[in-house]
Amino acid sequence: MYPSKKIPIEESVGMTLGYDLTKIVPGKHKEAVFRRGHVITADDISILKEIGKDFIWDLKIAEDEIHEDDAALRLASAISGDNLIVKMPGEAWADVVASKKGLFKVRVRQLDAINSRGDTLVATLKDNTVVDEGKVVAKAKVQGLVVKKREIDLIEGECRNLGKVLLLYPFKSMRVGLIVTGSEVYYGRKEDSFTPLVLNKVAKFNSEVVVRESLPDDPDLISNTILNFVKNSVQIIIVTGGMSPDDVSAEGIRRSGASVVSYGAPLSPGAMFLVAYLGDLPIFGMPGGALRFDPGAFDLFGQIAFSGLRITYEMIRHSGHGGLMR
């Protein structure tokens, strides 16, 4: 929505700008040349013509309207959950910034509803994106220099009732237990190439492997080791080595009393990826091939577990879209 009165730039000297004016150089930069509150001088006229302005809006805001900057700030604040900071860098966009490293999630249906209203616009990173502290995860603005207050009021009310649209779950520093299975590694016939890969991936989630065991292909040994890890306050367990149907790792996980969420996933590599829970403790059964790609199956679901969320069967079955990971 725009105010009704246009002022030719030749007659605008002395006016106070009610909005930012932007200069765009294609392929190079986009920046505000004059900010809201700037008083136009005679020297500004040539610059205004250079950026394609023939007139200036005489901005008058009615009682039931709100300025685009204020609307953008309220919109971004309404949709943002904990661990997200709202900033107003200018040019009518409000930035939503991660205050911690973690997993960024979006309630997509709620987002689509906001973007379908006509006057409100929100652009975000994709759902389930790992972000670092300081990363801009979303931008929000309104169309026009002013918007009806009721539009922002309605969105604020919906976010109070339905929940925030943008969520950031910080990675928790977790104690990880690693079990490397395979008689060939246990008896020294083959070098352990799995442990360095796991250490590297776990570190990306602000966590560390605090205990590691190499075991032969014995499901009871695997089961007992899992239970010993639990006694040692391990918070996540990774079992890697062989996960194909003729290996015993999956059976060892089951014998520990863990409930298997899914054995098998629509991922390549990683088709025999296993997720189980022993109470609230997640256990990953990782086929070796799934560890060799970055990102891979472990990264995809590890980011959920290390952010404190629970992995569900539906999450795994929906992972086929984007599951070709090489």
C-alpha atoms as a PDB file:
ATOM      1  CA  MET A   1       0.000   0.000   0.000  1.00  0.00           C
ATOM      2  CA  TYR A   2       1.339   3.446  -0.912  1.00  0.00           C
ATOM      3  CA  PRO A   3       0.404   6.989   0.191  1.00  0.00           C
ATOM      4  CA  SER A   4      -1.541   8.972  -2.395  1.00  0.00           C
ATOM      5  CA  LYS A   5       0.558  12.091  -2.870  1.00  0.00           C
ATOM      6  CA  LYS A   6       3.615  12.253  -5.115  1.00  0.00           C
ATOM      7  CA  ILE A   7       6.053  15.158  -4.940  1.00  0.00           C
ATOM      8  CA  PRO A   8       8.270  15.800  -8.014  1.00  0.00           C
ATOM      9  CA  ILE A   9      11.887  15.636  -6.939  1.00  0.00           C
ATOM     10  CA  GLU A  10      12.500  19.211  -8.090  1.00  0.00           C
ATOM     11  CA  GLU A  11       9.976  20.275  -5.441  1.00  0.00           C
ATOM     12  CA  SER A  12      11.203  17.896  -2.730  1.00  0.00           C
ATOM     13  CA  VAL A  13      14.038  19.995  -1.268  1.00  0.00           C
ATOM     14  CA  GLY A  14      13.483  20.312   2.450  1.00  0.00           C
ATOM     15  CA  MET A  15      11.300  17.197   2.690  1.00  0.00           C
ATOM     16  CA  THR A  16      12.114  14.559   5.297  1.00  0.00           C
ATOM     17  CA  LEU A  17      12.259  11.091   3.764  1.00  0.00           C
ATOM     18  CA  GLY A  18       9.821   8.657   5.310  1.00  0.00           C
ATOM     19  CA  TYR A  19      11.557   5.579   3.870  1.00  0.00           C
ATOM     20  CA  ASP A  20      14.945   4.355   2.582  1.00  0.00           C
ATOM     21  CA  LEU A  21      15.936   4.936  -1.041  1.00  0.00           C
ATOM     22  CA  THR A  22      18.078   2.232  -2.639  1.00  0.00           C
ATOM     23  CA  LYS A  23      20.652   2.236  -5.408  1.00  0.00           C
ATOM     24  CA  ILE A  24      21.200  -0.995  -7.332  1.00  0.00           C
ATOM     25  CA  VAL A  25      24.178  -1.670  -9.568  1.00  0.00           C
ATOM     26  CA  PRO A  26      23.406  -5.006 -11.287  1.00  0.00           C
ATOM     27  CA  GLY A  27      26.000  -7.641 -10.506  1.00  0.00           C
ATOM     28  CA  LYS A  28      27.851  -5.388  -8.055  1.00  0.00           C
ATOM     29  CA  HIS A  29      25.865  -4.073  -5.112  1.00  0.00           C
ATOM     30  CA  LYS A  30      22.586  -2.897  -3.639  1.00  0.00           C
ATOM     31  CA  GLU A  31      22.624  -0.260  -0.923  1.00  0.00           C
ATOM     32  CA  ALA A  32      20.614   2.541   0.621  1.00  0.00           C
ATOM     33  CA  VAL A  33      21.791   5.951  -0.602  1.00  0.00           C
ATOM     34  CA  PHE A  34      19.402   7.881   1.646  1.00  0.00           C
ATOM     35  CA  ARG A  35      17.906   6.618   4.895  1.00  0.00           C
ATOM     36  CA  ARG A  36      14.544   7.279   6.463  1.00  0.00           C
ATOM     37  CA  GLY A  37      14.721  10.659   8.224  1.00  0.00           C
ATOM     38  CA  HIS A  38      17.133  12.208   5.692  1.00  0.00           C
ATOM     39  CA  VAL A  39      16.269  15.819   4.778  1.00  0.00           C
ATOM     40  CA  ILE A  40      16.539  16.287   1.022  1.00  0.00           C
ATOM     41  CA  THR A  41      18.885  19.036  -0.169  1.00  0.00           C
ATOM     42  CA  ALA A  42      19.432  20.611  -3.573  1.00  0.00           C
ATOM     43  CA  ASP A  43      22.627  18.555  -3.949  1.00  0.00           C
ATOM     44  CA  ASP A  44      20.571  15.368  -3.627  1.00  0.00           C
ATOM     45  CA  ILE A  45      18.471  15.985  -6.731  1.00  0.00           C
ATOM     46  CA  SER A  46      21.088  14.702  -9.198  1.00  0.00           C
ATOM     47  CA  ILE A  47      21.567  11.544  -7.081  1.00  0.00           C
ATOM     48  CA  LEU A  48      17.828  10.947  -6.977  1.00  0.00           C
ATOM     49  CA  LYS A  49      17.654  11.217 -10.756  1.00  0.00           C
ATOM     50  CA  GLU A  50      20.624   8.860 -11.083  1.00  0.00           C
ATOM     51  CA  ILE A  51      18.789   6.128  -9.161  1.00  0.00           C
ATOM     52  CA  GLY A  52      15.668   6.618 -11.259  1.00  0.00           C
ATOM     53  CA  LYS A  53      13.499   8.684  -8.921  1.00  0.00           C
ATOM     54  CA  ASP A  54      11.222  11.260 -10.542  1.00  0.00           C
ATOM     55  CA  PHE A  55       9.118  11.814  -7.444  1.00  0.00           C
ATOM     56  CA  ILE A  56       9.057  11.268  -3.689  1.00  0.00           C
ATOM     57  CA  TRP A  57       6.106   9.924  -1.745  1.00  0.00           C
ATOM     58  CA  ASP A  58       4.765  12.394   0.800  1.00  0.00           C
ATOM     59  CA  LEU A  59       4.373   9.790   3.477  1.00  0.00           C
ATOM     60  CA  LYS A  60       1.313  10.252   5.669  1.00  0.00           C
ATOM     61  CA  ILE A  61       0.477   7.361   7.970  1.00  0.00           C
ATOM     62  CA  ALA A  62      -3.116   6.931   9.120  1.00  0.00           C
ATOM     63  CA  GLU A  63      -3.996   5.778  12.629  1.00  0.00           C
ATOM     64  CA  ASP A  64      -4.819   2.270  11.392  1.00  0.00           C
ATOM     65  CA  GLU A  65      -1.553   1.949   9.445  1.00  0.00           C
ATOM     66  CA  ILE A  66       2.049   1.183  10.347  1.00  0.00           C
ATOM     67  CA  HIS A  67       5.306   2.163   8.635  1.00  0.00           C
ATOM     68  CA  GLU A  68       7.070  -0.556   6.633  1.00  0.00           C
ATOM     69  CA  ASP A  69      10.128  -0.566   8.923  1.00  0.00           C
ATOM     70  CA  ASP A  70       8.061  -0.929  12.083  1.00  0.00           C
ATOM     71  CA  ALA A  71       5.884  -3.575  10.419  1.00  0.00           C
ATOM     72  CA  ALA A  72       8.934  -5.587   9.312  1.00  0.00           C
ATOM     73  CA  LEU A  73      10.368  -5.470  12.832  1.00  0.00           C
ATOM     74  CA  ARG A  74       7.098  -6.624  14.402  1.00  0.00           C
ATOM     75  CA  LEU A  75       6.614  -9.330  11.757  1.00  0.00           C
ATOM     76  CA  ALA A  76      10.110 -10.767  12.241  1.00  0.00           C
ATOM     77  CA  SER A  77       9.749 -10.644  16.027  1.00  0.00           C
ATOM     78  CA  ALA A  78       6.371 -12.377  15.918  1.00  0.00           C
ATOM     79  CA  ILE A  79       7.606 -15.372  13.911  1.00  0.00           C
ATOM     80  CA  SER A  80      10.986 -15.873  15.650  1.00  0.00           C
ATOM     81  CA  GLY A  81      11.493 -18.286  18.527  1.00  0.00           C
ATOM     82  CA  ASP A  82      14.224 -18.621  21.130  1.00  0.00           C
ATOM     83  CA  ASN A  83      17.898 -18.274  20.149  1.00  0.00           C
ATOM     84  CA  LEU A  84      16.995 -15.972  17.256  1.00  0.00           C
ATOM     85  CA  ILE A  85      17.744 -12.238  17.232  1.00  0.00           C
ATOM     86  CA  VAL A  86      15.873  -9.681  15.129  1.00  0.00           C
ATOM     87  CA  LYS A  87      17.842  -6.799  13.614  1.00  0.00           C
ATOM     88  CA  MET A  88      16.836  -3.933  11.327  1.00  0.00           C
ATOM     89  CA  PRO A  89      19.741  -3.253   8.941  1.00  0.00           C
ATOM     90  CA  GLY A  90      17.656  -0.993   6.688  1.00  0.00           C
ATOM     91  CA  GLU A  91      15.918  -0.941   3.319  1.00  0.00           C
ATOM     92  CA  ALA A  92      12.677  -2.132   4.977  1.00  0.00           C
ATOM     93  CA  TRP A  93      13.947  -5.655   5.665  1.00  0.00           C
ATOM     94  CA  ALA A  94      14.214  -7.119   9.161  1.00  0.00           C
ATOM     95  CA  ASP A  95      16.907  -9.778   9.580  1.00  0.00           C
ATOM     96  CA  VAL A  96      16.504 -12.846  11.792  1.00  0.00           C
ATOM     97  CA  VAL A  97      19.930 -13.950  13.052  1.00  0.00           C
ATOM     98  CA  ALA A  98      21.035 -17.128  14.855  1.00  0.00           C
ATOM     99  CA  SER A  99      22.455 -16.389  18.303  1.00  0.00           C
ATOM    100  CA  LYS A 100      23.937 -19.901  18.617  1.00  0.00           C
ATOM    101  CA  LYS A 101      25.122 -22.753  16.411  1.00  0.00           C
ATOM    102  CA  GLY A 102      22.379 -25.300  15.910  1.00  0.00           C
ATOM    103  CA  LEU A 103      19.577 -26.724  13.815  1.00  0.00           C
ATOM    104  CA  PHE A 104      17.282 -24.189  12.153  1.00  0.00           C
ATOM    105  CA  LYS A 105      13.734 -25.366  11.557  1.00  0.00           C
ATOM    106  CA  VAL A 106      10.768 -23.794   9.774  1.00  0.00           C
ATOM    107  CA  ARG A 107       7.064 -24.499  10.167  1.00  0.00           C
ATOM    108  CA  VAL A 108       6.539 -24.393   6.436  1.00  0.00           C
ATOM    109  CA  ARG A 109       2.730 -24.405   6.343  1.00  0.00           C
ATOM    110  CA  GLN A 110       2.599 -21.459   8.733  1.00  0.00           C
ATOM    111  CA  LEU A 111       5.231 -19.672   6.640  1.00  0.00           C
ATOM    112  CA  ASP A 112       3.239 -20.279   3.450  1.00  0.00           C
ATOM    113  CA  ALA A 113       0.129 -18.844   5.094  1.00  0.00           C
ATOM    114  CA  ILE A 114       1.979 -15.635   5.984  1.00  0.00           C
ATOM    115  CA  ASN A 115       3.375 -15.307   2.469  1.00  0.00           C
ATOM    116  CA  SER A 116      -0.112 -15.847   1.005  1.00  0.00           C
ATOM    117  CA  ARG A 117      -1.695 -12.898   2.836  1.00  0.00           C
ATOM    118  CA  GLY A 118      -0.622 -10.418   0.171  1.00  0.00           C
ATOM    119  CA  ASP A 119       1.104  -7.727   2.258  1.00  0.00           C
ATOM    120  CA  THR A 120       3.679  -9.750   4.229  1.00  0.00           C
ATOM    121  CA  LEU A 121       6.808 -11.434   2.907  1.00  0.00           C
ATOM    122  CA  VAL A 122       9.207 -13.779   4.720  1.00  0.00           C
ATOM    123  CA  ALA A 123      12.202 -15.496   3.092  1.00  0.00           C
ATOM    124  CA  THR A 124      14.048 -18.215   5.047  1.00  0.00           C
ATOM    125  CA  LEU A 125      16.771 -20.798   4.779  1.00  0.00           C
ATOM    126  CA  LYS A 126      15.490 -24.317   4.193  1.00  0.00           C
ATOM    127  CA  ASP A 127      13.985 -26.300   7.043  1.00  0.00           C
ATOM    128  CA  ASN A 128      16.530 -28.507   8.874  1.00  0.00           C
ATOM    129  CA  THR A 129      19.550 -26.351   8.053  1.00  0.00           C
ATOM    130  CA  VAL A 130      22.608 -26.343  10.314  1.00  0.00           C
ATOM    131  CA  VAL A 131      23.629 -22.751  10.999  1.00  0.00           C
ATOM    132  CA  ASP A 132      26.489 -21.052  12.819  1.00  0.00           C
ATOM    133  CA  GLU A 133      26.131 -18.227  15.308  1.00  0.00           C
ATOM    134  CA  GLY A 134      25.592 -14.934  13.476  1.00  0.00           C
ATOM    135  CA  LYS A 135      24.030 -16.507  10.382  1.00  0.00           C
ATOM    136  CA  VAL A 136      21.053 -14.671   8.877  1.00  0.00           C
ATOM    137  CA  VAL A 137      18.370 -17.369   8.727  1.00  0.00           C
ATOM    138  CA  ALA A 138      15.421 -15.274   7.500  1.00  0.00           C
ATOM    139  CA  LYS A 139      14.359 -11.845   6.268  1.00  0.00           C
ATOM    140  CA  ALA A 140      10.946 -10.246   6.684  1.00  0.00           C
ATOM    141  CA  LYS A 141       9.251  -7.213   5.165  1.00  0.00           C
ATOM    142  CA  VAL A 142       5.903  -5.876   3.985  1.00  0.00           C
ATOM    143  CA  GLN A 143       4.839  -4.737   0.554  1.00  0.00           C
ATOM    144  CA  GLY A 144       4.429  -0.985   0.324  1.00  0.00           C
ATOM    145  CA  LEU A 145       5.583   1.882   2.476  1.00  0.00           C
ATOM    146  CA  VAL A 146       2.756   1.362   4.953  1.00  0.00           C
ATOM    147  CA  VAL A 147       0.491  -1.551   5.834  1.00  0.00           C
ATOM    148  CA  LYS A 148      -2.686  -1.911   7.844  1.00  0.00           C
ATOM    149  CA  LYS A 149      -1.952  -2.573  11.527  1.00  0.00           C
ATOM    150  CA  ARG A 150      -4.507  -5.369  11.571  1.00  0.00           C
ATOM    151  CA  GLU A 151      -2.355  -7.432   9.185  1.00  0.00           C
ATOM    152  CA  ILE A 152       0.517  -7.504  11.671  1.00  0.00           C
ATOM    153  CA  ASP A 153      -1.857  -7.870  14.639  1.00  0.00           C
ATOM    154  CA  LEU A 154      -3.360 -11.003  13.069  1.00  0.00           C
ATOM    155  CA  ILE A 155       0.039 -12.626  12.469  1.00  0.00           C
ATOM    156  CA  GLU A 156       1.163 -11.830  16.016  1.00  0.00           C
ATOM    157  CA  GLY A 157      -2.004 -13.464  17.336  1.00  0.00           C
ATOM    158  CA  GLU A 158      -1.554 -16.547  15.157  1.00  0.00           C
ATOM    159  CA  CYS A 159       2.030 -16.987  16.364  1.00  0.00           C
ATOM    160  CA  ARG A 160       0.902 -16.750  19.969  1.00  0.00           C
ATOM    161  CA  ASN A 161      -1.747 -19.407  19.364  1.00  0.00           C
ATOM    162  CA  LEU A 162       0.021 -21.735  16.907  1.00  0.00           C
ATOM    163  CA  GLY A 163       3.628 -21.217  17.926  1.00  0.00           C
ATOM    164  CA  LYS A 164       6.620 -19.545  16.342  1.00  0.00           C
ATOM    165  CA  VAL A 165       7.355 -20.100  12.665  1.00  0.00           C
ATOM    166  CA  LEU A 166      11.150 -20.027  12.950  1.00  0.00           C
ATOM    167  CA  LEU A 167      12.916 -22.231  15.498  1.00  0.00           C
ATOM    168  CA  LEU A 168      16.559 -22.725  16.397  1.00  0.00           C
ATOM    169  CA  TYR A 169      17.660 -25.705  18.465  1.00  0.00           C
ATOM    170  CA  PRO A 170      21.255 -25.213  19.687  1.00  0.00           C
ATOM    171  CA  PHE A 171      23.537 -28.223  19.540  1.00  0.00           C
ATOM    172  CA  LYS A 172      24.072 -29.739  22.953  1.00  0.00           C
ATOM    173  CA  SER A 173      27.531 -30.795  24.046  1.00  0.00           C
ATOM    174  CA  MET A 174      27.020 -34.556  24.358  1.00  0.00           C
ATOM    175  CA  ARG A 175      29.095 -37.506  25.555  1.00  0.00           C
ATOM    176  CA  VAL A 176      29.289 -39.982  22.687  1.00  0.00           C
ATOM    177  CA  GLY A 177      30.120 -43.683  22.889  1.00  0.00           C
ATOM    178  CA  LEU A 178      31.541 -45.388  19.788  1.00  0.00           C
ATOM    179  CA  ILE A 179      31.491 -49.130  19.082  1.00  0.00           C
ATOM    180  CA  VAL A 180      33.472 -50.291  16.054  1.00  0.00           C
ATOM    181  CA  THR A 181      32.356 -53.787  15.105  1.00  0.00           C
ATOM    182  CA  GLY A 182      33.994 -56.313  12.838  1.00  0.00           C
ATOM    183  CA  SER A 183      36.323 -59.196  13.561  1.00  0.00           C
ATOM    184  CA  GLU A 184      38.657 -57.995  10.820  1.00  0.00           C
ATOM    185  CA  VAL A 185      39.287 -54.729  12.743  1.00  0.00           C
ATOM    186  CA  TYR A 186      39.221 -56.350  16.217  1.00  0.00           C
ATOM    187  CA  TYR A 187      41.901 -58.927  15.311  1.00  0.00           C
ATOM    188  CA  GLY A 188      44.018 -56.353  13.456  1.00  0.00           C
ATOM    189  CA  ARG A 189      43.536 -57.783   9.992  1.00  0.00           C
ATOM    190  CA  LYS A 190      42.195 -54.431   8.800  1.00  0.00           C
ATOM    191  CA  GLU A 191      42.892 -50.866   9.879  1.00  0.00           C
ATOM    192  CA  ASP A 192      40.094 -49.012  11.693  1.00  0.00           C
ATOM    193  CA  SER A 193      39.117 -46.310   9.206  1.00  0.00           C
ATOM    194  CA  PHE A 194      35.790 -45.552  10.905  1.00  0.00           C
ATOM    195  CA  THR A 195      36.923 -43.888  14.134  1.00  0.00           C
ATOM    196  CA  PRO A 196      38.601 -40.818  12.524  1.00  0.00           C
ATOM    197  CA  LEU A 197      35.470 -40.199  10.430  1.00  0.00           C
ATOM    198  CA  VAL A 198      33.192 -40.401  13.462  1.00  0.00           C
ATOM    199  CA  LEU A 199      35.425 -38.145  15.578  1.00  0.00           C
ATOM    200  CA  ASN A 200      35.360 -35.496  12.876  1.00  0.00           C
ATOM    201  CA  LYS A 201      31.598 -35.625  12.403  1.00  0.00           C
ATOM    202  CA  VAL A 202      30.805 -35.583  16.133  1.00  0.00           C
ATOM    203  CA  ALA A 203      33.032 -32.534  16.656  1.00  0.00           C
ATOM    204  CA  LYS A 204      30.893 -30.564  14.196  1.00  0.00           C
ATOM    205  CA  PHE A 205      28.014 -30.906  16.646  1.00  0.00           C
ATOM    206  CA  ASN A 206      30.029 -29.478  19.580  1.00  0.00           C
ATOM    207  CA  SER A 207      30.375 -32.966  21.086  1.00  0.00           C
ATOM    208  CA  GLU A 208      33.084 -35.588  21.579  1.00  0.00           C
ATOM    209  CA  VAL A 209      33.605 -39.336  21.707  1.00  0.00           C
ATOM    210  CA  VAL A 210      34.431 -40.065  25.344  1.00  0.00           C
ATOM    211  CA  VAL A 211      34.607 -43.866  25.146  1.00  0.00           C
ATOM    212  CA  ARG A 212      35.373 -46.262  22.290  1.00  0.00           C
ATOM    213  CA  GLU A 213      35.395 -50.051  22.000  1.00  0.00           C
ATOM    214  CA  SER A 214      36.410 -52.329  19.153  1.00  0.00           C
ATOM    215  CA  LEU A 215      34.445 -55.591  19.179  1.00  0.00           C
ATOM    216  CA  PRO A 216      34.308 -58.805  17.165  1.00  0.00           C
ATOM    217  CA  ASP A 217      31.100 -59.860  15.445  1.00  0.00           C
ATOM    218  CA  ASP A 218      29.283 -60.981  18.588  1.00  0.00           C
ATOM    219  CA  PRO A 219      25.782 -59.583  19.276  1.00  0.00           C
ATOM    220  CA  ASP A 220      25.999 -60.255  23.027  1.00  0.00           C
ATOM    221  CA  LEU A 221      29.269 -58.337  23.326  1.00  0.00           C
ATOM    222  CA  ILE A 222      27.730 -55.453  21.392  1.00  0.00           C
ATOM    223  CA  SER A 223      24.657 -55.492  23.627  1.00  0.00           C
ATOM    224  CA  ASN A 224      26.667 -55.608  26.855  1.00  0.00           C
ATOM    225  CA  THR A 225      28.942 -52.801  25.695  1.00  0.00           C
ATOM    226  CA  ILE A 226      25.958 -50.597  24.920  1.00  0.00           C
ATOM    227  CA  LEU A 227      24.615 -51.164  28.436  1.00  0.00           C
ATOM    228  CA  ASN A 228      28.049 -50.412  29.941  1.00  0.00           C
ATOM    229  CA  PHE A 229      28.172 -47.158  27.963  1.00  0.00           C
ATOM    230  CA  VAL A 230      24.807 -46.196  29.424  1.00  0.00           C
ATOM    231  CA  LYS A 231      26.143 -46.793  32.944  1.00  0.00           C
ATOM    232  CA  ASN A 232      29.014 -44.428  32.097  1.00  0.00           C
ATOM    233  CA  SER A 233      26.557 -41.596  31.304  1.00  0.00           C
ATOM    234  CA  VAL A 234      27.023 -41.682  27.547  1.00  0.00           C
ATOM    235  CA  GLN A 235      24.271 -39.661  25.834  1.00  0.00           C
ATOM    236  CA  ILE A 236      24.521 -40.921  22.246  1.00  0.00           C
ATOM    237  CA  ILE A 237      25.856 -44.265  21.009  1.00  0.00           C
ATOM    238  CA  ILE A 238      27.198 -44.943  17.518  1.00  0.00           C
ATOM    239  CA  VAL A 239      27.700 -48.512  16.319  1.00  0.00           C
ATOM    240  CA  THR A 240      29.598 -48.715  13.069  1.00  0.00           C
ATOM    241  CA  GLY A 241      31.154 -51.391  10.926  1.00  0.00           C
ATOM    242  CA  GLY A 242      28.789 -53.870   9.311  1.00  0.00           C
ATOM    243  CA  MET A 243      25.058 -53.105   9.123  1.00  0.00           C
ATOM    244  CA  SER A 244      24.020 -55.382   6.266  1.00  0.00           C
ATOM    245  CA  PRO A 245      21.454 -58.151   6.998  1.00  0.00           C
ATOM    246  CA  ASP A 246      24.182 -60.798   7.373  1.00  0.00           C
ATOM    247  CA  ASP A 247      26.034 -58.753  10.046  1.00  0.00           C
ATOM    248  CA  VAL A 248      25.249 -58.907  13.756  1.00  0.00           C
ATOM    249  CA  SER A 249      25.378 -55.219  14.742  1.00  0.00           C
ATOM    250  CA  ALA A 250      21.628 -54.666  14.403  1.00  0.00           C
ATOM    251  CA  GLU A 251      20.921 -57.763  16.491  1.00  0.00           C
ATOM    252  CA  GLY A 252      23.353 -56.561  19.153  1.00  0.00           C
ATOM    253  CA  ILE A 253      21.512 -53.229  19.344  1.00  0.00           C
ATOM    254  CA  ARG A 254      18.164 -55.034  19.704  1.00  0.00           C
ATOM    255  CA  ARG A 255      19.487 -57.320  22.473  1.00  0.00           C
ATOM    256  CA  SER A 256      20.393 -54.255  24.537  1.00  0.00           C
ATOM    257  CA  GLY A 257      16.661 -53.613  24.906  1.00  0.00           C
ATOM    258  CA  ALA A 258      16.676 -50.682  22.527  1.00  0.00           C
ATOM    259  CA  SER A 259      13.555 -50.012  20.465  1.00  0.00           C
ATOM    260  CA  VAL A 260      14.367 -49.780  16.758  1.00  0.00           C
ATOM    261  CA  VAL A 261      12.766 -46.777  15.058  1.00  0.00           C
ATOM    262  CA  SER A 262      13.897 -47.808  11.600  1.00  0.00           C
ATOM    263  CA  TYR A 263      16.356 -50.302  10.138  1.00  0.00           C
ATOM    264  CA  GLY A 264      16.835 -49.107   6.606  1.00  0.00           C
ATOM    265  CA  ALA A 265      16.412 -45.658   5.086  1.00  0.00           C
ATOM    266  CA  PRO A 266      15.824 -44.246   1.577  1.00  0.00           C
ATOM    267  CA  LEU A 267      19.396 -42.941   1.456  1.00  0.00           C
ATOM    268  CA  SER A 268      22.313 -43.616  -0.870  1.00  0.00           C
ATOM    269  CA  PRO A 269      24.780 -44.322   0.587  1.00  0.00           C
ATOM    270  CA  GLY A 270      23.254 -45.370   3.894  1.00  0.00           C
ATOM    271  CA  ALA A 271      20.405 -47.683   2.950  1.00  0.00           C
ATOM    272  CA  MET A 272      21.047 -49.915   5.983  1.00  0.00           C
ATOM    273  CA  PHE A 273      21.188 -46.995   8.409  1.00  0.00           C
ATOM    274  CA  LEU A 274      19.585 -47.856  11.768  1.00  0.00           C
ATOM    275  CA  VAL A 275      18.091 -45.599  14.445  1.00  0.00           C
ATOM    276  CA  ALA A 276      17.031 -46.953  17.841  1.00  0.00           C
ATOM    277  CA  TYR A 277      16.309 -45.573  21.304  1.00  0.00           C
ATOM    278  CA  LEU A 278      17.154 -47.049  24.676  1.00  0.00           C
ATOM    279  CA  GLY A 279      14.760 -44.921  26.693  1.00  0.00           C
ATOM    280  CA  ASP A 280      15.626 -41.415  25.540  1.00  0.00           C
ATOM    281  CA  LEU A 281      19.160 -42.322  24.457  1.00  0.00           C
ATOM    282  CA  PRO A 282      19.624 -42.455  20.660  1.00  0.00           C
ATOM    283  CA  ILE A 283      21.632 -45.279  19.108  1.00  0.00           C
ATOM    284  CA  PHE A 284      22.847 -45.049  15.527  1.00  0.00           C
ATOM    285  CA  GLY A 285      23.778 -48.120  13.498  1.00  0.00           C
ATOM    286  CA  MET A 286      26.010 -46.696  10.786  1.00  0.00           C
ATOM    287  CA  PRO A 287      27.004 -48.599   7.645  1.00  0.00           C
ATOM    288  CA  GLY A 288      30.575 -47.764   6.734  1.00  0.00           C
ATOM    289  CA  GLY A 289      29.734 -46.242   3.364  1.00  0.00           C
ATOM    290  CA  ALA A 290      27.417 -43.701   4.968  1.00  0.00           C
ATOM    291  CA  LEU A 291      30.307 -42.193   6.921  1.00  0.00           C
ATOM    292  CA  ARG A 292      32.496 -41.502   3.925  1.00  0.00           C
ATOM    293  CA  PHE A 293      30.392 -38.705   2.460  1.00  0.00           C
ATOM    294  CA  ASP A 294      29.961 -35.222   3.865  1.00  0.00           C
ATOM    295  CA  PRO A 295      27.177 -34.553   4.385  1.00  0.00           C
ATOM    296  CA  GLY A 296      25.926 -38.114   4.737  1.00  0.00           C
ATOM    297  CA  ALA A 297      23.311 -40.106   6.589  1.00  0.00           C
ATOM    298  CA  PHE A 298      24.898 -39.448   9.975  1.00  0.00           C
ATOM    299  CA  ASP A 299      24.970 -35.695   9.360  1.00  0.00           C
ATOM    300  CA  LEU A 300      21.332 -35.718   8.247  1.00  0.00           C
ATOM    301  CA  PHE A 301      20.004 -37.370  11.403  1.00  0.00           C
ATOM    302  CA  GLY A 302      22.826 -36.529  13.767  1.00  0.00           C
ATOM    303  CA  GLN A 303      21.871 -32.860  13.518  1.00  0.00           C
ATOM    304  CA  ILE A 304      18.448 -33.785  14.893  1.00  0.00           C
ATOM    305  CA  ALA A 305      19.753 -35.885  17.780  1.00  0.00           C
ATOM    306  CA  PHE A 306      22.491 -33.459  18.807  1.00  0.00           C
ATOM    307  CA  SER A 307      19.966 -30.620  18.939  1.00  0.00           C
ATOM    308  CA  GLY A 308      17.956 -32.582  21.496  1.00  0.00           C
ATOM    309  CA  LEU A 309      15.085 -33.579  19.198  1.00  0.00           C
ATOM    310  CA  ARG A 310      13.784 -37.121  18.793  1.00  0.00           C
ATOM    311  CA  ILE A 311      14.096 -38.876  15.431  1.00  0.00           C
ATOM    312  CA  THR A 312      10.833 -40.405  14.219  1.00  0.00           C
ATOM    313  CA  TYR A 313       9.981 -43.080  11.685  1.00  0.00           C
ATOM    314  CA  GLU A 314       8.269 -40.437   9.555  1.00  0.00           C
ATOM    315  CA  MET A 315      11.416 -38.302   9.424  1.00  0.00           C
ATOM    316  CA  ILE A 316      13.422 -41.240   8.120  1.00  0.00           C
ATOM    317  CA  ARG A 317      10.841 -42.320   5.548  1.00  0.00           C
ATOM    318  CA  HIS A 318      10.559 -38.739   4.252  1.00  0.00           C
ATOM    319  CA  SER A 319      14.325 -38.461   3.799  1.00  0.00           C
ATOM    320  CA  GLY A 320      14.279 -39.935   0.296  1.00  0.00           C
ATOM    321  CA  HIS A 321      13.756 -36.481  -1.229  1.00  0.00           C
ATOM    322  CA  GLY A 322      17.370 -35.332  -1.141  1.00  0.00           C
ATOM    323  CA  GLY A 323      18.517 -38.754   0.018  1.00  0.00           C
ATOM    324  CA  LEU A 324      20.885 -39.237  -2.922  1.00  0.00           C
ATOM    325  CA  MET A 325      23.946 -38.029  -1.026  1.00  0.00           C
ATOM    326  CA  ARG A 326      26.788 -38.361  -3.479  1.00  0.00           C
END
